[in-house]
PDB file of N, CA and C in Angstrom:
ATOM      1  N   MET A   1     -10.056 -19.552 -10.505  1.00  0.00           N
ATOM      2  CA  MET A   1      -9.081 -20.482  -9.965  1.00  0.00           C
ATOM      3  C   MET A   1      -7.666 -20.015 -10.265  1.00  0.00           C
ATOM      4  N   VAL A   2      -7.410 -19.579 -11.504  1.00  0.00           N
ATOM      5  CA  VAL A   2      -6.081 -19.097 -11.880  1.00  0.00           C
ATOM      6  C   VAL A   2      -5.724 -17.864 -11.069  1.00  0.00           C
ATOM      7  N   ALA A   3      -6.676 -16.944 -10.892  1.00  0.00           N
ATOM      8  CA  ALA A   3      -6.422 -15.729 -10.112  1.00  0.00           C
ATOM      9  C   ALA A   3      -6.048 -16.079  -8.677  1.00  0.00           C
ATOM     10  N   ALA A   4      -6.707 -17.082  -8.111  1.00  0.00           N
ATOM     11  CA  ALA A   4      -6.393 -17.494  -6.747  1.00  0.00           C
ATOM     12  C   ALA A   4      -4.983 -18.060  -6.665  1.00  0.00           C
ATOM     13  N   LEU A   5      -4.576 -18.807  -7.671  1.00  0.00           N
ATOM     14  CA  LEU A   5      -3.221 -19.344  -7.692  1.00  0.00           C
ATOM     15  C   LEU A   5      -2.184 -18.246  -7.825  1.00  0.00           C
ATOM     16  N   ILE A   6      -2.464 -17.262  -8.657  1.00  0.00           N
ATOM     17  CA  ILE A   6      -1.552 -16.135  -8.817  1.00  0.00           C
ATOM     18  C   ILE A   6      -1.449 -15.358  -7.511  1.00  0.00           C
ATOM     19  N   ALA A   7      -2.579 -15.106  -6.872  1.00  0.00           N
ATOM     20  CA  ALA A   7      -2.575 -14.383  -5.607  1.00  0.00           C
ATOM     21  C   ALA A   7      -1.807 -15.159  -4.539  1.00  0.00           C
ATOM     22  N   THR A   8      -2.003 -16.461  -4.503  1.00  0.00           N
ATOM     23  CA  THR A   8      -1.298 -17.290  -3.542  1.00  0.00           C
ATOM     24  C   THR A   8       0.196 -17.257  -3.805  1.00  0.00           C
ATOM     25  N   SER A   9       0.601 -17.297  -5.064  1.00  0.00           N
ATOM     26  CA  SER A   9       2.016 -17.236  -5.410  1.00  0.00           C
ATOM     27  C   SER A   9       2.614 -15.903  -4.992  1.00  0.00           C
ATOM     28  N   ALA A  10       1.901 -14.824  -5.199  1.00  0.00           N
ATOM     29  CA  ALA A  10       2.399 -13.502  -4.822  1.00  0.00           C
ATOM     30  C   ALA A  10       2.571 -13.409  -3.317  1.00  0.00           C
ATOM     31  N   ILE A  11       1.617 -13.969  -2.570  1.00  0.00           N
ATOM     32  CA  ILE A  11       1.701 -13.941  -1.113  1.00  0.00           C
ATOM     33  C   ILE A  11       2.889 -14.768  -0.646  1.00  0.00           C
ATOM     34  N   ALA A  12       3.065 -15.933  -1.233  1.00  0.00           N
ATOM     35  CA  ALA A  12       4.154 -16.804  -0.821  1.00  0.00           C
ATOM     36  C   ALA A  12       5.516 -16.244  -1.201  1.00  0.00           C
ATOM     37  N   ALA A  13       5.562 -15.454  -2.274  1.00  0.00           N
ATOM     38  CA  ALA A  13       6.838 -14.969  -2.779  1.00  0.00           C
ATOM     39  C   ALA A  13       7.440 -13.874  -1.906  1.00  0.00           C
ATOM     40  N   ASN A  14       6.644 -13.147  -1.166  1.00  0.00           N
ATOM     41  CA  ASN A  14       7.230 -12.085  -0.366  1.00  0.00           C
ATOM     42  C   ASN A  14       7.580 -12.599   1.019  1.00  0.00           C
ATOM     43  N   LYS A  15       8.610 -12.027   1.578  1.00  0.00           N
ATOM     44  CA  LYS A  15       9.144 -12.511   2.853  1.00  0.00           C
ATOM     45  C   LYS A  15       8.381 -11.980   4.063  1.00  0.00           C
ATOM     46  N   LEU A  16       7.513 -11.018   3.844  1.00  0.00           N
ATOM     47  CA  LEU A  16       6.785 -10.417   4.953  1.00  0.00           C
ATOM     48  C   LEU A  16       5.506 -11.167   5.295  1.00  0.00           C
ATOM     49  N   GLY A  17       5.099 -12.078   4.440  1.00  0.00           N
ATOM     50  CA  GLY A  17       3.877 -12.827   4.691  1.00  0.00           C
ATOM     51  C   GLY A  17       2.698 -12.244   3.936  1.00  0.00           C
ATOM     52  N   ASN A  18       1.528 -12.531   4.421  1.00  0.00           N
ATOM     53  CA  ASN A  18       0.292 -12.120   3.766  1.00  0.00           C
ATOM     54  C   ASN A  18       0.030 -10.634   4.020  1.00  0.00           C
ATOM     55  N   LEU A  19       0.104  -9.849   2.962  1.00  0.00           N
ATOM     56  CA  LEU A  19      -0.119  -8.403   3.057  1.00  0.00           C
ATOM     57  C   LEU A  19      -1.471  -7.998   2.475  1.00  0.00           C
ATOM     58  N   SER A  20      -2.369  -8.971   2.313  1.00  0.00           N
ATOM     59  CA  SER A  20      -3.641  -8.691   1.648  1.00  0.00           C
ATOM     60  C   SER A  20      -4.492  -7.662   2.387  1.00  0.00           C
ATOM     61  N   SER A  21      -4.411  -7.608   3.699  1.00  0.00           N
ATOM     62  CA  SER A  21      -5.205  -6.601   4.419  1.00  0.00           C
ATOM     63  C   SER A  21      -4.720  -5.192   4.081  1.00  0.00           C
ATOM     64  N   PHE A  22      -3.417  -5.037   3.926  1.00  0.00           N
ATOM     65  CA  PHE A  22      -2.868  -3.738   3.546  1.00  0.00           C
ATOM     66  C   PHE A  22      -3.236  -3.402   2.099  1.00  0.00           C
ATOM     67  N   GLU A  23      -3.169  -4.405   1.252  1.00  0.00           N
ATOM     68  CA  GLU A  23      -3.548  -4.198  -0.146  1.00  0.00           C
ATOM     69  C   GLU A  23      -5.028  -3.820  -0.247  1.00  0.00           C
ATOM     70  N   GLY A  24      -5.856  -4.423   0.592  1.00  0.00           N
ATOM     71  CA  GLY A  24      -7.278  -4.082   0.595  1.00  0.00           C
ATOM     72  C   GLY A  24      -7.513  -2.619   0.942  1.00  0.00           C
ATOM     73  N   ILE A  25      -6.804  -2.128   1.936  1.00  0.00           N
ATOM     74  CA  ILE A  25      -6.942  -0.717   2.318  1.00  0.00           C
ATOM     75  C   ILE A  25      -6.455   0.180   1.182  1.00  0.00           C
ATOM     76  N   ALA A  26      -5.332  -0.191   0.571  1.00  0.00           N
ATOM     77  CA  ALA A  26      -4.802   0.603  -0.544  1.00  0.00           C
ATOM     78  C   ALA A  26      -5.774   0.589  -1.728  1.00  0.00           C
ATOM     79  N   ASN A  27      -6.384  -0.560  -1.992  1.00  0.00           N
ATOM     80  CA  ASN A  27      -7.384  -0.641  -3.070  1.00  0.00           C
ATOM     81  C   ASN A  27      -8.596   0.236  -2.765  1.00  0.00           C
ATOM     82  N   ASP A  28      -9.053   0.205  -1.519  1.00  0.00           N
ATOM     83  CA  ASP A  28     -10.161   1.082  -1.112  1.00  0.00           C
ATOM     84  C   ASP A  28      -9.793   2.546  -1.369  1.00  0.00           C
ATOM     85  N   THR A  29      -8.561   2.896  -1.038  1.00  0.00           N
ATOM     86  CA  THR A  29      -8.074   4.263  -1.224  1.00  0.00           C
ATOM     87  C   THR A  29      -8.104   4.640  -2.693  1.00  0.00           C
ATOM     88  N   LEU A  30      -7.635   3.724  -3.531  1.00  0.00           N
ATOM     89  CA  LEU A  30      -7.601   3.995  -4.975  1.00  0.00           C
ATOM     90  C   LEU A  30      -9.011   4.179  -5.532  1.00  0.00           C
ATOM     91  N   VAL A  31      -9.952   3.394  -5.075  1.00  0.00           N
ATOM     92  CA  VAL A  31     -11.345   3.548  -5.513  1.00  0.00           C
ATOM     93  C   VAL A  31     -11.846   4.952  -5.183  1.00  0.00           C
ATOM     94  N   LEU A  32     -11.544   5.417  -3.990  1.00  0.00           N
ATOM     95  CA  LEU A  32     -11.958   6.764  -3.589  1.00  0.00           C
ATOM     96  C   LEU A  32     -11.281   7.841  -4.443  1.00  0.00           C
ATOM     97  N   VAL A  33     -10.000   7.646  -4.724  1.00  0.00           N
ATOM     98  CA  VAL A  33      -9.284   8.587  -5.606  1.00  0.00           C
ATOM     99  C   VAL A  33      -9.950   8.615  -6.970  1.00  0.00           C
ATOM    100  N   ASP A  34     -10.225   7.441  -7.514  1.00  0.00           N
ATOM    101  CA  ASP A  34     -10.841   7.350  -8.841  1.00  0.00           C
ATOM    102  C   ASP A  34     -12.227   7.989  -8.883  1.00  0.00           C
ATOM    103  N   LYS A  35     -12.920   8.000  -7.749  1.00  0.00           N
ATOM    104  CA  LYS A  35     -14.238   8.653  -7.665  1.00  0.00           C
ATOM    105  C   LYS A  35     -14.117  10.163  -7.460  1.00  0.00           C
ATOM    106  N   GLY A  36     -12.893  10.630  -7.225  1.00  0.00           N
ATOM    107  CA  GLY A  36     -12.681  12.051  -6.970  1.00  0.00           C
ATOM    108  C   GLY A  36     -12.865  12.444  -5.513  1.00  0.00           C
ATOM    109  N   ASP A  37     -12.999  11.466  -4.630  1.00  0.00           N
ATOM    110  CA  ASP A  37     -13.174  11.727  -3.199  1.00  0.00           C
ATOM    111  C   ASP A  37     -11.804  11.717  -2.520  1.00  0.00           C
ATOM    112  N   LEU A  38     -11.046  12.791  -2.728  1.00  0.00           N
ATOM    113  CA  LEU A  38      -9.689  12.845  -2.185  1.00  0.00           C
ATOM    114  C   LEU A  38      -9.686  12.953  -0.666  1.00  0.00           C
ATOM    115  N   LYS A  39     -10.694  13.580  -0.095  1.00  0.00           N
ATOM    116  CA  LYS A  39     -10.785  13.665   1.367  1.00  0.00           C
ATOM    117  C   LYS A  39     -11.023  12.274   1.952  1.00  0.00           C
ATOM    118  N   GLY A  40     -11.935  11.529   1.345  1.00  0.00           N
ATOM    119  CA  GLY A  40     -12.179  10.159   1.791  1.00  0.00           C
ATOM    120  C   GLY A  40     -10.953   9.283   1.595  1.00  0.00           C
ATOM    121  N   ALA A  41     -10.245   9.489   0.479  1.00  0.00           N
ATOM    122  CA  ALA A  41      -9.027   8.731   0.211  1.00  0.00           C
ATOM    123  C   ALA A  41      -7.953   9.048   1.248  1.00  0.00           C
ATOM    124  N   GLU A  42      -7.871  10.322   1.629  1.00  0.00           N
ATOM    125  CA  GLU A  42      -6.898  10.706   2.666  1.00  0.00           C
ATOM    126  C   GLU A  42      -7.228   9.999   3.982  1.00  0.00           C
ATOM    127  N   GLN A  43      -8.494   9.924   4.316  1.00  0.00           N
ATOM    128  CA  GLN A  43      -8.898   9.235   5.545  1.00  0.00           C
ATOM    129  C   GLN A  43      -8.560   7.747   5.469  1.00  0.00           C
ATOM    130  N   ARG A  44      -8.796   7.147   4.307  1.00  0.00           N
ATOM    131  CA  ARG A  44      -8.537   5.703   4.165  1.00  0.00           C
ATOM    132  C   ARG A  44      -7.039   5.401   4.180  1.00  0.00           C
ATOM    133  N   ILE A  45      -6.222   6.260   3.565  1.00  0.00           N
ATOM    134  CA  ILE A  45      -4.776   6.013   3.582  1.00  0.00           C
ATOM    135  C   ILE A  45      -4.234   6.217   4.997  1.00  0.00           C
ATOM    136  N   THR A  46      -4.924   7.017   5.789  1.00  0.00           N
ATOM    137  CA  THR A  46      -4.553   7.159   7.202  1.00  0.00           C
ATOM    138  C   THR A  46      -4.794   5.843   7.938  1.00  0.00           C
ATOM    139  N   ASP A  47      -5.857   5.133   7.559  1.00  0.00           N
ATOM    140  CA  ASP A  47      -6.096   3.795   8.115  1.00  0.00           C
ATOM    141  C   ASP A  47      -4.931   2.869   7.766  1.00  0.00           C
ATOM    142  N   PHE A  48      -4.452   2.977   6.513  1.00  0.00           N
ATOM    143  CA  PHE A  48      -3.304   2.173   6.093  1.00  0.00           C
ATOM    144  C   PHE A  48      -2.104   2.506   6.970  1.00  0.00           C
ATOM    145  N   ALA A  49      -1.832   3.797   7.132  1.00  0.00           N
ATOM    146  CA  ALA A  49      -0.666   4.229   7.908  1.00  0.00           C
ATOM    147  C   ALA A  49      -0.725   3.683   9.335  1.00  0.00           C
ATOM    148  N   SER A  50      -1.883   3.749   9.936  1.00  0.00           N
ATOM    149  CA  SER A  50      -2.040   3.245  11.310  1.00  0.00           C
ATOM    150  C   SER A  50      -1.797   1.742  11.381  1.00  0.00           C
ATOM    151  N   ALA A  51      -2.390   1.003  10.456  1.00  0.00           N
ATOM    152  CA  ALA A  51      -2.221  -0.457  10.442  1.00  0.00           C
ATOM    153  C   ALA A  51      -0.771  -0.838  10.143  1.00  0.00           C
ATOM    154  N   TRP A  52      -0.146  -0.128   9.210  1.00  0.00           N
ATOM    155  CA  TRP A  52       1.247  -0.403   8.831  1.00  0.00           C
ATOM    156  C   TRP A  52       2.173  -0.125  10.008  1.00  0.00           C
ATOM    157  N   ASP A  53       1.957   0.991  10.682  1.00  0.00           N
ATOM    158  CA  ASP A  53       2.779   1.333  11.846  1.00  0.00           C
ATOM    159  C   ASP A  53       2.610   0.298  12.954  1.00  0.00           C
ATOM    160  N   GLU A  54       1.386  -0.160  13.160  1.00  0.00           N
ATOM    161  CA  GLU A  54       1.121  -1.170  14.183  1.00  0.00           C
ATOM    162  C   GLU A  54       1.816  -2.495  13.848  1.00  0.00           C
ATOM    163  N   ALA A  55       1.870  -2.838  12.581  1.00  0.00           N
ATOM    164  CA  ALA A  55       2.466  -4.108  12.155  1.00  0.00           C
ATOM    165  C   ALA A  55       3.987  -4.050  12.042  1.00  0.00           C
ATOM    166  N   GLU A  56       4.545  -2.867  12.123  1.00  0.00           N
ATOM    167  CA  GLU A  56       5.999  -2.723  11.929  1.00  0.00           C
ATOM    168  C   GLU A  56       6.805  -3.646  12.846  1.00  0.00           C
ATOM    169  N   LYS A  57       6.403  -3.741  14.086  1.00  0.00           N
ATOM    170  CA  LYS A  57       7.195  -4.524  15.050  1.00  0.00           C
ATOM    171  C   LYS A  57       7.275  -6.005  14.695  1.00  0.00           C
ATOM    172  N   THR A  58       6.315  -6.516  13.934  1.00  0.00           N
ATOM    173  CA  THR A  58       6.394  -7.917  13.509  1.00  0.00           C
ATOM    174  C   THR A  58       6.907  -8.058  12.082  1.00  0.00           C
ATOM    175  N   LEU A  59       6.590  -7.102  11.214  1.00  0.00           N
ATOM    176  CA  LEU A  59       7.006  -7.215   9.813  1.00  0.00           C
ATOM    177  C   LEU A  59       8.466  -6.832   9.588  1.00  0.00           C
ATOM    178  N   TYR A  60       8.898  -5.763  10.205  1.00  0.00           N
ATOM    179  CA  TYR A  60      10.258  -5.257   9.966  1.00  0.00           C
ATOM    180  C   TYR A  60      11.339  -6.311  10.223  1.00  0.00           C
ATOM    181  N   PRO A  61      11.267  -7.051  11.322  1.00  0.00           N
ATOM    182  CA  PRO A  61      12.303  -8.071  11.564  1.00  0.00           C
ATOM    183  C   PRO A  61      12.316  -9.214  10.536  1.00  0.00           C
ATOM    184  N   LYS A  62      11.186  -9.453   9.870  1.00  0.00           N
ATOM    185  CA  LYS A  62      11.123 -10.533   8.880  1.00  0.00           C
ATOM    186  C   LYS A  62      11.985 -10.227   7.670  1.00  0.00           C
ATOM    187  N   ASP A  63      11.951  -8.993   7.205  1.00  0.00           N
ATOM    188  CA  ASP A  63      12.785  -8.578   6.076  1.00  0.00           C
ATOM    189  C   ASP A  63      12.812  -7.048   6.030  1.00  0.00           C
ATOM    190  N   LYS A  64      13.899  -6.509   6.545  1.00  0.00           N
ATOM    191  CA  LYS A  64      14.021  -5.054   6.647  1.00  0.00           C
ATOM    192  C   LYS A  64      13.984  -4.370   5.288  1.00  0.00           C
ATOM    193  N   ALA A  65      14.590  -4.986   4.290  1.00  0.00           N
ATOM    194  CA  ALA A  65      14.647  -4.378   2.955  1.00  0.00           C
ATOM    195  C   ALA A  65      13.256  -4.314   2.321  1.00  0.00           C
ATOM    196  N   GLU A  66      12.522  -5.427   2.349  1.00  0.00           N
ATOM    197  CA  GLU A  66      11.175  -5.425   1.772  1.00  0.00           C
ATOM    198  C   GLU A  66      10.264  -4.471   2.540  1.00  0.00           C
ATOM    199  N   TRP A  67      10.367  -4.476   3.860  1.00  0.00           N
ATOM    200  CA  TRP A  67       9.550  -3.575   4.657  1.00  0.00           C
ATOM    201  C   TRP A  67       9.833  -2.121   4.266  1.00  0.00           C
ATOM    202  N   SER A  68      11.101  -1.795   4.096  1.00  0.00           N
ATOM    203  CA  SER A  68      11.492  -0.423   3.768  1.00  0.00           C
ATOM    204  C   SER A  68      10.990   0.002   2.391  1.00  0.00           C
ATOM    205  N   VAL A  69      11.003  -0.906   1.424  1.00  0.00           N
ATOM    206  CA  VAL A  69      10.508  -0.600   0.082  1.00  0.00           C
ATOM    207  C   VAL A  69       9.013  -0.257   0.156  1.00  0.00           C
ATOM    208  N   ILE A  70       8.265  -1.054   0.900  1.00  0.00           N
ATOM    209  CA  ILE A  70       6.832  -0.783   1.051  1.00  0.00           C
ATOM    210  C   ILE A  70       6.616   0.500   1.843  1.00  0.00           C
ATOM    211  N   ASP A  71       7.395   0.700   2.883  1.00  0.00           N
ATOM    212  CA  ASP A  71       7.249   1.899   3.700  1.00  0.00           C
ATOM    213  C   ASP A  71       7.477   3.163   2.871  1.00  0.00           C
ATOM    214  N   ASP A  72       8.467   3.132   1.990  1.00  0.00           N
ATOM    215  CA  ASP A  72       8.723   4.284   1.110  1.00  0.00           C
ATOM    216  C   ASP A  72       7.539   4.542   0.175  1.00  0.00           C
ATOM    217  N   ALA A  73       6.991   3.471  -0.387  1.00  0.00           N
ATOM    218  CA  ALA A  73       5.826   3.622  -1.275  1.00  0.00           C
ATOM    219  C   ALA A  73       4.617   4.136  -0.495  1.00  0.00           C
ATOM    220  N   ALA A  74       4.453   3.653   0.726  1.00  0.00           N
ATOM    221  CA  ALA A  74       3.351   4.122   1.566  1.00  0.00           C
ATOM    222  C   ALA A  74       3.516   5.599   1.894  1.00  0.00           C
ATOM    223  N   ASP A  75       4.733   5.995   2.235  1.00  0.00           N
ATOM    224  CA  ASP A  75       4.989   7.407   2.544  1.00  0.00           C
ATOM    225  C   ASP A  75       4.629   8.298   1.363  1.00  0.00           C
ATOM    226  N   ALA A  76       4.978   7.867   0.159  1.00  0.00           N
ATOM    227  CA  ALA A  76       4.665   8.662  -1.039  1.00  0.00           C
ATOM    228  C   ALA A  76       3.155   8.797  -1.224  1.00  0.00           C
ATOM    229  N   ALA A  77       2.425   7.701  -1.021  1.00  0.00           N
ATOM    230  CA  ALA A  77       0.964   7.740  -1.162  1.00  0.00           C
ATOM    231  C   ALA A  77       0.338   8.630  -0.092  1.00  0.00           C
ATOM    232  N   ILE A  78       0.811   8.494   1.124  1.00  0.00           N
ATOM    233  CA  ILE A  78       0.287   9.303   2.230  1.00  0.00           C
ATOM    234  C   ILE A  78       0.556  10.782   1.973  1.00  0.00           C
ATOM    235  N   GLU A  79       1.775  11.101   1.567  1.00  0.00           N
ATOM    236  CA  GLU A  79       2.129  12.492   1.287  1.00  0.00           C
ATOM    237  C   GLU A  79       1.303  13.067   0.146  1.00  0.00           C
ATOM    238  N   SER A  80       1.046  12.268  -0.884  1.00  0.00           N
ATOM    239  CA  SER A  80       0.281  12.780  -2.023  1.00  0.00           C
ATOM    240  C   SER A  80      -1.144  13.139  -1.623  1.00  0.00           C
ATOM    241  N   LEU A  81      -1.708  12.388  -0.688  1.00  0.00           N
ATOM    242  CA  LEU A  81      -3.088  12.647  -0.274  1.00  0.00           C
ATOM    243  C   LEU A  81      -3.204  13.657   0.864  1.00  0.00           C
ATOM    244  N   SER A  82      -2.124  13.875   1.583  1.00  0.00           N
ATOM    245  CA  SER A  82      -2.182  14.836   2.688  1.00  0.00           C
ATOM    246  C   SER A  82      -1.598  16.193   2.300  1.00  0.00           C
ATOM    247  N   ALA A  83      -1.283  16.355   1.029  1.00  0.00           N
ATOM    248  CA  ALA A  83      -0.775  17.639   0.549  1.00  0.00           C
ATOM    249  C   ALA A  83      -1.840  18.717   0.747  1.00  0.00           C
ATOM    250  N   ARG A  84      -1.395  19.953   0.825  1.00  0.00           N
ATOM    251  CA  ARG A  84      -2.340  21.066   1.007  1.00  0.00           C
ATOM    252  C   ARG A  84      -3.400  21.064  -0.084  1.00  0.00           C
ATOM    253  N   SER A  85      -2.980  20.858  -1.314  1.00  0.00           N
ATOM    254  CA  SER A  85      -3.905  20.751  -2.455  1.00  0.00           C
ATOM    255  C   SER A  85      -3.588  19.454  -3.191  1.00  0.00           C
ATOM    256  N   PRO A  86      -4.140  18.346  -2.727  1.00  0.00           N
ATOM    257  CA  PRO A  86      -3.797  17.064  -3.349  1.00  0.00           C
ATOM    258  C   PRO A  86      -4.228  17.002  -4.814  1.00  0.00           C
ATOM    259  N   SER A  87      -3.402  16.337  -5.593  1.00  0.00           N
ATOM    260  CA  SER A  87      -3.668  16.125  -7.015  1.00  0.00           C
ATOM    261  C   SER A  87      -4.186  14.708  -7.202  1.00  0.00           C
ATOM    262  N   ALA A  88      -5.314  14.578  -7.869  1.00  0.00           N
ATOM    263  CA  ALA A  88      -5.871  13.252  -8.133  1.00  0.00           C
ATOM    264  C   ALA A  88      -4.897  12.421  -8.965  1.00  0.00           C
ATOM    265  N   THR A  89      -4.219  13.064  -9.898  1.00  0.00           N
ATOM    266  CA  THR A  89      -3.254  12.353 -10.746  1.00  0.00           C
ATOM    267  C   THR A  89      -2.098  11.811  -9.918  1.00  0.00           C
ATOM    268  N   ASP A  90      -1.541  12.649  -9.040  1.00  0.00           N
ATOM    269  CA  ASP A  90      -0.448  12.193  -8.179  1.00  0.00           C
ATOM    270  C   ASP A  90      -0.909  11.102  -7.228  1.00  0.00           C
ATOM    271  N   ALA A  91      -2.098  11.275  -6.664  1.00  0.00           N
ATOM    272  CA  ALA A  91      -2.624  10.278  -5.740  1.00  0.00           C
ATOM    273  C   ALA A  91      -2.852   8.947  -6.452  1.00  0.00           C
ATOM    274  N   GLN A  92      -3.400   9.001  -7.650  1.00  0.00           N
ATOM    275  CA  GLN A  92      -3.638   7.774  -8.418  1.00  0.00           C
ATOM    276  C   GLN A  92      -2.320   7.065  -8.689  1.00  0.00           C
ATOM    277  N   ARG A  93      -1.304   7.826  -9.057  1.00  0.00           N
ATOM    278  CA  ARG A  93       0.017   7.259  -9.363  1.00  0.00           C
ATOM    279  C   ARG A  93       0.655   6.638  -8.118  1.00  0.00           C
ATOM    280  N   THR A  94       0.649   7.378  -7.000  1.00  0.00           N
ATOM    281  CA  THR A  94       1.344   6.888  -5.810  1.00  0.00           C
ATOM    282  C   THR A  94       0.602   5.744  -5.123  1.00  0.00           C
ATOM    283  N   VAL A  95      -0.720   5.796  -5.120  1.00  0.00           N
ATOM    284  CA  VAL A  95      -1.482   4.700  -4.504  1.00  0.00           C
ATOM    285  C   VAL A  95      -1.369   3.442  -5.372  1.00  0.00           C
ATOM    286  N   SER A  96      -1.403   3.604  -6.687  1.00  0.00           N
ATOM    287  CA  SER A  96      -1.203   2.454  -7.586  1.00  0.00           C
ATOM    288  C   SER A  96       0.186   1.858  -7.378  1.00  0.00           C
ATOM    289  N   ALA A  97       1.184   2.718  -7.216  1.00  0.00           N
ATOM    290  CA  ALA A  97       2.552   2.239  -6.963  1.00  0.00           C
ATOM    291  C   ALA A  97       2.628   1.494  -5.633  1.00  0.00           C
ATOM    292  N   LEU A  98       1.906   1.963  -4.636  1.00  0.00           N
ATOM    293  CA  LEU A  98       1.869   1.270  -3.351  1.00  0.00           C
ATOM    294  C   LEU A  98       1.275  -0.120  -3.514  1.00  0.00           C
ATOM    295  N   ILE A  99       0.193  -0.222  -4.247  1.00  0.00           N
ATOM    296  CA  ILE A  99      -0.444  -1.528  -4.479  1.00  0.00           C
ATOM    297  C   ILE A  99       0.529  -2.463  -5.194  1.00  0.00           C
ATOM    298  N   ASP A 100       1.190  -1.971  -6.227  1.00  0.00           N
ATOM    299  CA  ASP A 100       2.175  -2.790  -6.947  1.00  0.00           C
ATOM    300  C   ASP A 100       3.301  -3.225  -6.017  1.00  0.00           C
ATOM    301  N   THR A 101       3.746  -2.313  -5.167  1.00  0.00           N
ATOM    302  CA  THR A 101       4.842  -2.617  -4.252  1.00  0.00           C
ATOM    303  C   THR A 101       4.411  -3.651  -3.206  1.00  0.00           C
ATOM    304  N   LEU A 102       3.191  -3.555  -2.740  1.00  0.00           N
ATOM    305  CA  LEU A 102       2.697  -4.570  -1.802  1.00  0.00           C
ATOM    306  C   LEU A 102       2.671  -5.942  -2.453  1.00  0.00           C
ATOM    307  N   ARG A 103       2.369  -5.994  -3.735  1.00  0.00           N
ATOM    308  CA  ARG A 103       2.324  -7.267  -4.443  1.00  0.00           C
ATOM    309  C   ARG A 103       3.716  -7.821  -4.738  1.00  0.00           C
ATOM    310  N   HIS A 104       4.668  -6.909  -4.944  1.00  0.00           N
ATOM    311  CA  HIS A 104       6.048  -7.302  -5.320  1.00  0.00           C
ATOM    312  C   HIS A 104       7.049  -6.430  -4.583  1.00  0.00           C
ATOM    313  N   PRO A 105       7.223  -6.652  -3.289  1.00  0.00           N
ATOM    314  CA  PRO A 105       8.094  -5.792  -2.485  1.00  0.00           C
ATOM    315  C   PRO A 105       9.569  -6.170  -2.572  1.00  0.00           C
ATOM    316  N   VAL A 106      10.096  -6.132  -3.763  1.00  0.00           N
ATOM    317  CA  VAL A 106      11.481  -6.537  -3.968  1.00  0.00           C
ATOM    318  C   VAL A 106      12.384  -5.321  -3.818  1.00  0.00           C
ATOM    319  N   ALA A 107      13.318  -5.411  -2.902  1.00  0.00           N
ATOM    320  CA  ALA A 107      14.298  -4.338  -2.722  1.00  0.00           C
ATOM    321  C   ALA A 107      15.336  -4.453  -3.832  1.00  0.00           C
ATOM    322  N   GLU A 108      15.621  -3.317  -4.458  1.00  0.00           N
ATOM    323  CA  GLU A 108      16.613  -3.337  -5.541  1.00  0.00           C
ATOM    324  C   GLU A 108      17.906  -2.749  -5.098  1.00  0.00           C
TER     325      GLU A 108
END
């Protein structure tokens, strides 16, 4: 019950609305990274990129700053997994940062 309240508060706190579907894809990606399946993680983060790009036209106008903060974190995660020789450590760091940013997309 407490976890649901925290999740609801996090969703309500961001100006872009419910980003749980994006967080789900990022979590799936992190699971694959943690298993050492960097190729699978690259494929899953590509799913994130496609969904994020598709949602841009509705999310960006809601809050350009928050959208941009998440977009930067997404770009870092995508780049880490699409590198010629991806590093599991870098991928773990950037995908975790993306998840954190989706939960708290505050522009500084």
